[in-house]
Amino acid sequence: MSDLSNYVNAVRQNKRDAFMELYPFPFLLLKLEEPKRMAAPESSPGSDWSGSTQITVNMAKTSSFAVLRHNASLYRIYPVVSREPQGEQQTVTLGRLASNDIVIAEASISKVHASFALEPGNDATITDLGSRNGTTVNGRRIPPHTPFPIAFGDPIVVGGVAVMLIGAGALWEIIAAQIKGF
């Protein structure tokens, strides 16, 4: 379930702890650099997404995907879950190909760009899989094929795309703050 409206409904219906039980995995926020070029939001009567000003105010739904405003930037949300769970440790791939767990159709991202390894207890690493444009964490380019430890909130750049790994609790807080703004 990667549709923002589903997460918004879950925040409306659940307290933070219950939301975290529903979504026991982290999320990747992909920063959208040029929100003004995005299509106008869809409008439907009685919808939280109605009105063309929503895209510059809080949350909005464009014709192709939902976006979330946080700290004066717009983000696309990706659940960081593997299509094939592997027990204790979970590995999630990111790239342009549809076979990746997280697919980002951006020219600067390689077909299979990087992977996240998620350990129980919120330990995570990112591994650049020999991508053409590399991966940086906290402004430092990481060596290919070497797991690199990351923490929630670390600025990560894959190719030319800025992303950030956050926990479900942080996503709940961001969405709850946006809902209060309506």
C-alpha atoms as a PDB file:
ATOM      1  CA  MET A   1       0.000   0.000   0.000  1.00  0.00           C
ATOM      2  CA  SER A   2       1.868   3.066  -1.202  1.00  0.00           C
ATOM      3  CA  ASP A   3      -0.987   5.503  -1.791  1.00  0.00           C
ATOM      4  CA  LEU A   4      -0.728   8.526   0.494  1.00  0.00           C
ATOM      5  CA  SER A   5      -4.517   8.639   0.969  1.00  0.00           C
ATOM      6  CA  ASN A   6      -4.353   5.221   2.664  1.00  0.00           C
ATOM      7  CA  TYR A   7      -1.743   6.512   5.123  1.00  0.00           C
ATOM      8  CA  VAL A   8      -3.776   9.670   5.756  1.00  0.00           C
ATOM      9  CA  ASN A   9      -6.855   7.575   6.537  1.00  0.00           C
ATOM     10  CA  ALA A  10      -4.800   5.347   8.843  1.00  0.00           C
ATOM     11  CA  VAL A  11      -3.511   8.421  10.715  1.00  0.00           C
ATOM     12  CA  ARG A  12      -7.073   9.726  11.098  1.00  0.00           C
ATOM     13  CA  GLN A  13      -8.254   6.394  12.482  1.00  0.00           C
ATOM     14  CA  ASN A  14      -5.279   5.420  14.659  1.00  0.00           C
ATOM     15  CA  LYS A  15      -3.038   6.798  17.339  1.00  0.00           C
ATOM     16  CA  ARG A  16       0.707   6.823  16.645  1.00  0.00           C
ATOM     17  CA  ASP A  17       1.428   3.447  18.288  1.00  0.00           C
ATOM     18  CA  ALA A  18      -1.408   1.713  16.424  1.00  0.00           C
ATOM     19  CA  PHE A  19      -0.199   3.239  13.137  1.00  0.00           C
ATOM     20  CA  MET A  20       3.293   1.906  13.825  1.00  0.00           C
ATOM     21  CA  GLU A  21       1.842  -1.572  14.415  1.00  0.00           C
ATOM     22  CA  LEU A  22      -0.031  -1.352  11.094  1.00  0.00           C
ATOM     23  CA  TYR A  23       3.146  -0.271   9.291  1.00  0.00           C
ATOM     24  CA  PRO A  24       6.125  -1.911  11.053  1.00  0.00           C
ATOM     25  CA  PHE A  25       8.545  -0.809   8.338  1.00  0.00           C
ATOM     26  CA  PRO A  26      10.302   2.438   7.460  1.00  0.00           C
ATOM     27  CA  PHE A  27       9.428   4.773   4.620  1.00  0.00           C
ATOM     28  CA  LEU A  28      11.552   6.539   2.044  1.00  0.00           C
ATOM     29  CA  LEU A  29      10.740  10.179   1.339  1.00  0.00           C
ATOM     30  CA  LEU A  30      11.808  11.206  -2.160  1.00  0.00           C
ATOM     31  CA  LYS A  31      12.252  14.960  -2.427  1.00  0.00           C
ATOM     32  CA  LEU A  32      10.536  16.493  -5.438  1.00  0.00           C
ATOM     33  CA  GLU A  33      12.754  19.300  -6.701  1.00  0.00           C
ATOM     34  CA  GLU A  34      10.377  21.154  -8.998  1.00  0.00           C
ATOM     35  CA  PRO A  35       6.818  20.966  -7.654  1.00  0.00           C
ATOM     36  CA  LYS A  36       5.607  23.814  -9.913  1.00  0.00           C
ATOM     37  CA  ARG A  37       5.989  21.602 -13.001  1.00  0.00           C
ATOM     38  CA  MET A  38       3.701  18.916 -11.582  1.00  0.00           C
ATOM     39  CA  ALA A  39       0.182  18.480 -12.911  1.00  0.00           C
ATOM     40  CA  ALA A  40      -2.650  20.247 -11.138  1.00  0.00           C
ATOM     41  CA  PRO A  41      -4.225  18.230  -8.330  1.00  0.00           C
ATOM     42  CA  GLU A  42      -7.261  16.132  -9.118  1.00  0.00           C
ATOM     43  CA  SER A  43     -10.426  17.585  -7.741  1.00  0.00           C
ATOM     44  CA  SER A  44     -13.337  15.602  -6.397  1.00  0.00           C
ATOM     45  CA  PRO A  45     -16.165  16.955  -4.254  1.00  0.00           C
ATOM     46  CA  GLY A  46     -15.660  16.351  -0.538  1.00  0.00           C
ATOM     47  CA  SER A  47     -12.110  15.090  -0.985  1.00  0.00           C
ATOM     48  CA  ASP A  48      -9.209  16.238   1.173  1.00  0.00           C
ATOM     49  CA  TRP A  49      -7.309  16.560  -2.076  1.00  0.00           C
ATOM     50  CA  SER A  50      -9.757  19.005  -3.719  1.00  0.00           C
ATOM     51  CA  GLY A  51      -8.683  22.474  -4.727  1.00  0.00           C
ATOM     52  CA  SER A  52      -5.708  23.485  -6.822  1.00  0.00           C
ATOM     53  CA  THR A  53      -4.020  25.391  -3.991  1.00  0.00           C
ATOM     54  CA  GLN A  54      -3.454  22.233  -1.937  1.00  0.00           C
ATOM     55  CA  ILE A  55      -0.224  21.472  -3.773  1.00  0.00           C
ATOM     56  CA  THR A  56       1.432  24.583  -2.392  1.00  0.00           C
ATOM     57  CA  VAL A  57      -0.201  24.451   1.030  1.00  0.00           C
ATOM     58  CA  ASN A  58      -0.087  20.922   2.447  1.00  0.00           C
ATOM     59  CA  MET A  59      -0.770  17.550   0.858  1.00  0.00           C
ATOM     60  CA  ALA A  60      -1.916  17.116  -2.721  1.00  0.00           C
ATOM     61  CA  LYS A  61      -2.723  14.388  -5.170  1.00  0.00           C
ATOM     62  CA  THR A  62      -1.553  14.864  -8.723  1.00  0.00           C
ATOM     63  CA  SER A  63      -2.779  12.894 -11.692  1.00  0.00           C
ATOM     64  CA  SER A  64      -0.065  10.269 -11.226  1.00  0.00           C
ATOM     65  CA  PHE A  65       0.841  10.099  -7.530  1.00  0.00           C
ATOM     66  CA  ALA A  66       0.340  11.634  -4.125  1.00  0.00           C
ATOM     67  CA  VAL A  67       2.771  14.060  -2.555  1.00  0.00           C
ATOM     68  CA  LEU A  68       3.320  15.268   0.989  1.00  0.00           C
ATOM     69  CA  ARG A  69       4.640  18.638   2.170  1.00  0.00           C
ATOM     70  CA  HIS A  70       7.198  18.562   4.990  1.00  0.00           C
ATOM     71  CA  ASN A  71       9.672  21.284   5.994  1.00  0.00           C
ATOM     72  CA  ALA A  72       8.818  23.440   2.946  1.00  0.00           C
ATOM     73  CA  SER A  73       9.482  20.629   0.446  1.00  0.00           C
ATOM     74  CA  LEU A  74       7.275  18.173  -1.383  1.00  0.00           C
ATOM     75  CA  TYR A  75       7.920  14.446  -1.048  1.00  0.00           C
ATOM     76  CA  ARG A  76       6.762  11.198  -2.601  1.00  0.00           C
ATOM     77  CA  ILE A  77       6.405   8.365  -0.073  1.00  0.00           C
ATOM     78  CA  TYR A  78       7.662   4.819  -0.662  1.00  0.00           C
ATOM     79  CA  PRO A  79       7.171   2.019   1.870  1.00  0.00           C
ATOM     80  CA  VAL A  80      10.516   0.275   2.386  1.00  0.00           C
ATOM     81  CA  VAL A  81       9.354  -3.332   2.214  1.00  0.00           C
ATOM     82  CA  SER A  82      10.687  -6.221   0.214  1.00  0.00           C
ATOM     83  CA  ARG A  83       8.449  -8.031  -2.248  1.00  0.00           C
ATOM     84  CA  GLU A  84       9.915 -11.248  -0.846  1.00  0.00           C
ATOM     85  CA  PRO A  85      10.519 -11.059   2.935  1.00  0.00           C
ATOM     86  CA  GLN A  86      13.661 -12.943   4.021  1.00  0.00           C
ATOM     87  CA  GLY A  87      13.251 -13.495   7.759  1.00  0.00           C
ATOM     88  CA  GLU A  88      15.165 -11.405  10.295  1.00  0.00           C
ATOM     89  CA  GLN A  89      17.030  -9.138   7.867  1.00  0.00           C
ATOM     90  CA  GLN A  90      15.151  -7.591   4.993  1.00  0.00           C
ATOM     91  CA  THR A  91      16.827  -6.323   1.815  1.00  0.00           C
ATOM     92  CA  VAL A  92      15.016  -3.773  -0.325  1.00  0.00           C
ATOM     93  CA  THR A  93      16.302  -2.762  -3.766  1.00  0.00           C
ATOM     94  CA  LEU A  94      15.913   0.657  -5.397  1.00  0.00           C
ATOM     95  CA  GLY A  95      16.318   1.440  -9.092  1.00  0.00           C
ATOM     96  CA  ARG A  96      14.618   2.199 -12.416  1.00  0.00           C
ATOM     97  CA  LEU A  97      13.637  -1.393 -13.310  1.00  0.00           C
ATOM     98  CA  ALA A  98      10.189  -2.672 -12.374  1.00  0.00           C
ATOM     99  CA  SER A  99      11.811  -5.670 -10.669  1.00  0.00           C
ATOM    100  CA  ASN A 100      13.086  -3.420  -7.826  1.00  0.00           C
ATOM    101  CA  ASP A 101      11.160  -3.106  -4.566  1.00  0.00           C
ATOM    102  CA  ILE A 102      11.263   0.695  -4.915  1.00  0.00           C
ATOM    103  CA  VAL A 103      11.011   1.889  -8.511  1.00  0.00           C
ATOM    104  CA  ILE A 104      12.052   5.470  -9.263  1.00  0.00           C
ATOM    105  CA  ALA A 105      11.877   6.340 -12.960  1.00  0.00           C
ATOM    106  CA  GLU A 106      14.604   8.967 -12.986  1.00  0.00           C
ATOM    107  CA  ALA A 107      17.440   9.061 -15.539  1.00  0.00           C
ATOM    108  CA  SER A 108      20.156   9.632 -12.901  1.00  0.00           C
ATOM    109  CA  ILE A 109      19.193   6.418 -11.093  1.00  0.00           C
ATOM    110  CA  SER A 110      20.643   3.151 -12.406  1.00  0.00           C
ATOM    111  CA  LYS A 111      18.491   0.168 -13.338  1.00  0.00           C
ATOM    112  CA  VAL A 112      19.416  -1.462 -10.012  1.00  0.00           C
ATOM    113  CA  HIS A 113      21.016   1.403  -8.093  1.00  0.00           C
ATOM    114  CA  ALA A 114      21.169   0.567  -4.388  1.00  0.00           C
ATOM    115  CA  SER A 115      19.800  -1.685  -1.676  1.00  0.00           C
ATOM    116  CA  PHE A 116      18.733  -1.128   1.906  1.00  0.00           C
ATOM    117  CA  ALA A 117      19.320  -3.826   4.515  1.00  0.00           C
ATOM    118  CA  LEU A 118      16.946  -3.480   7.449  1.00  0.00           C
ATOM    119  CA  GLU A 119      17.767  -5.250  10.717  1.00  0.00           C
ATOM    120  CA  PRO A 120      15.418  -5.722  13.661  1.00  0.00           C
ATOM    121  CA  GLY A 121      15.826  -2.812  16.070  1.00  0.00           C
ATOM    122  CA  ASN A 122      15.933  -0.093  13.370  1.00  0.00           C
ATOM    123  CA  ASP A 123      19.526  -0.697  12.248  1.00  0.00           C
ATOM    124  CA  ALA A 124      19.870  -0.056   8.531  1.00  0.00           C
ATOM    125  CA  THR A 125      22.554   0.038   5.866  1.00  0.00           C
ATOM    126  CA  ILE A 126      22.572   1.195   2.274  1.00  0.00           C
ATOM    127  CA  THR A 127      24.737  -0.389  -0.403  1.00  0.00           C
ATOM    128  CA  ASP A 128      25.460   1.223  -3.753  1.00  0.00           C
ATOM    129  CA  LEU A 129      25.228  -1.634  -6.262  1.00  0.00           C
ATOM    130  CA  GLY A 130      27.827  -0.234  -8.665  1.00  0.00           C
ATOM    131  CA  SER A 131      25.580   2.517  -9.966  1.00  0.00           C
ATOM    132  CA  ARG A 132      26.739   4.936 -12.650  1.00  0.00           C
ATOM    133  CA  ASN A 133      26.023   8.125 -10.649  1.00  0.00           C
ATOM    134  CA  GLY A 134      26.791   6.857  -7.153  1.00  0.00           C
ATOM    135  CA  THR A 135      25.168   7.253  -3.754  1.00  0.00           C
ATOM    136  CA  THR A 136      25.982   9.745  -1.000  1.00  0.00           C
ATOM    137  CA  VAL A 137      25.059   9.692   2.685  1.00  0.00           C
ATOM    138  CA  ASN A 138      25.438  12.890   4.715  1.00  0.00           C
ATOM    139  CA  GLY A 139      27.320  14.426   1.774  1.00  0.00           C
ATOM    140  CA  ARG A 140      29.884  11.602   1.616  1.00  0.00           C
ATOM    141  CA  ARG A 141      30.012   9.371  -1.455  1.00  0.00           C
ATOM    142  CA  ILE A 142      29.900   5.756  -0.357  1.00  0.00           C
ATOM    143  CA  PRO A 143      32.034   3.059  -1.987  1.00  0.00           C
ATOM    144  CA  PRO A 144      30.181   0.614  -4.251  1.00  0.00           C
ATOM    145  CA  HIS A 145      29.265  -2.864  -3.011  1.00  0.00           C
ATOM    146  CA  THR A 146      30.034  -1.949   0.620  1.00  0.00           C
ATOM    147  CA  PRO A 147      27.192  -1.718   3.181  1.00  0.00           C
ATOM    148  CA  PHE A 148      27.163   1.739   4.756  1.00  0.00           C
ATOM    149  CA  PRO A 149      25.289   2.392   8.043  1.00  0.00           C
ATOM    150  CA  ILE A 150      22.475   4.927   7.921  1.00  0.00           C
ATOM    151  CA  ALA A 151      20.164   6.412  10.513  1.00  0.00           C
ATOM    152  CA  PHE A 152      16.624   7.660  10.138  1.00  0.00           C
ATOM    153  CA  GLY A 153      16.748  11.225   8.835  1.00  0.00           C
ATOM    154  CA  ASP A 154      20.177  10.996   7.198  1.00  0.00           C
ATOM    155  CA  PRO A 155      20.223  12.903   3.893  1.00  0.00           C
ATOM    156  CA  ILE A 156      20.834  10.376   1.109  1.00  0.00           C
ATOM    157  CA  VAL A 157      21.312  11.088  -2.596  1.00  0.00           C
ATOM    158  CA  VAL A 158      20.887   8.236  -5.069  1.00  0.00           C
ATOM    159  CA  GLY A 159      22.035   9.354  -8.509  1.00  0.00           C
ATOM    160  CA  GLY A 160      20.704  12.899  -8.494  1.00  0.00           C
ATOM    161  CA  VAL A 161      17.658  12.258  -6.290  1.00  0.00           C
ATOM    162  CA  ALA A 162      17.464  13.287  -2.620  1.00  0.00           C
ATOM    163  CA  VAL A 163      15.797  10.758  -0.316  1.00  0.00           C
ATOM    164  CA  MET A 164      15.464  10.243   3.429  1.00  0.00           C
ATOM    165  CA  LEU A 165      14.633   7.123   5.433  1.00  0.00           C
ATOM    166  CA  ILE A 166      12.103   7.714   8.223  1.00  0.00           C
ATOM    167  CA  GLY A 167      10.219   5.501  10.641  1.00  0.00           C
ATOM    168  CA  ALA A 168       6.469   4.947  10.640  1.00  0.00           C
ATOM    169  CA  GLY A 169       6.155   7.085  13.782  1.00  0.00           C
ATOM    170  CA  ALA A 170       7.773  10.039  12.017  1.00  0.00           C
ATOM    171  CA  LEU A 171       5.444   9.597   9.035  1.00  0.00           C
ATOM    172  CA  TRP A 172       2.443   9.556  11.400  1.00  0.00           C
ATOM    173  CA  GLU A 173       3.649  12.825  12.974  1.00  0.00           C
ATOM    174  CA  ILE A 174       4.179  14.524   9.594  1.00  0.00           C
ATOM    175  CA  ILE A 175       0.733  13.516   8.326  1.00  0.00           C
ATOM    176  CA  ALA A 176      -0.997  14.372  11.622  1.00  0.00           C
ATOM    177  CA  ALA A 177       0.534  17.859  11.517  1.00  0.00           C
ATOM    178  CA  GLN A 178      -0.719  18.296   7.953  1.00  0.00           C
ATOM    179  CA  ILE A 179      -4.240  17.124   8.844  1.00  0.00           C
ATOM    180  CA  LYS A 180      -4.420  19.735  11.624  1.00  0.00           C
ATOM    181  CA  GLY A 181      -3.655  22.382   8.972  1.00  0.00           C
ATOM    182  CA  PHE A 182      -6.836  21.592   7.024  1.00  0.00           C
END
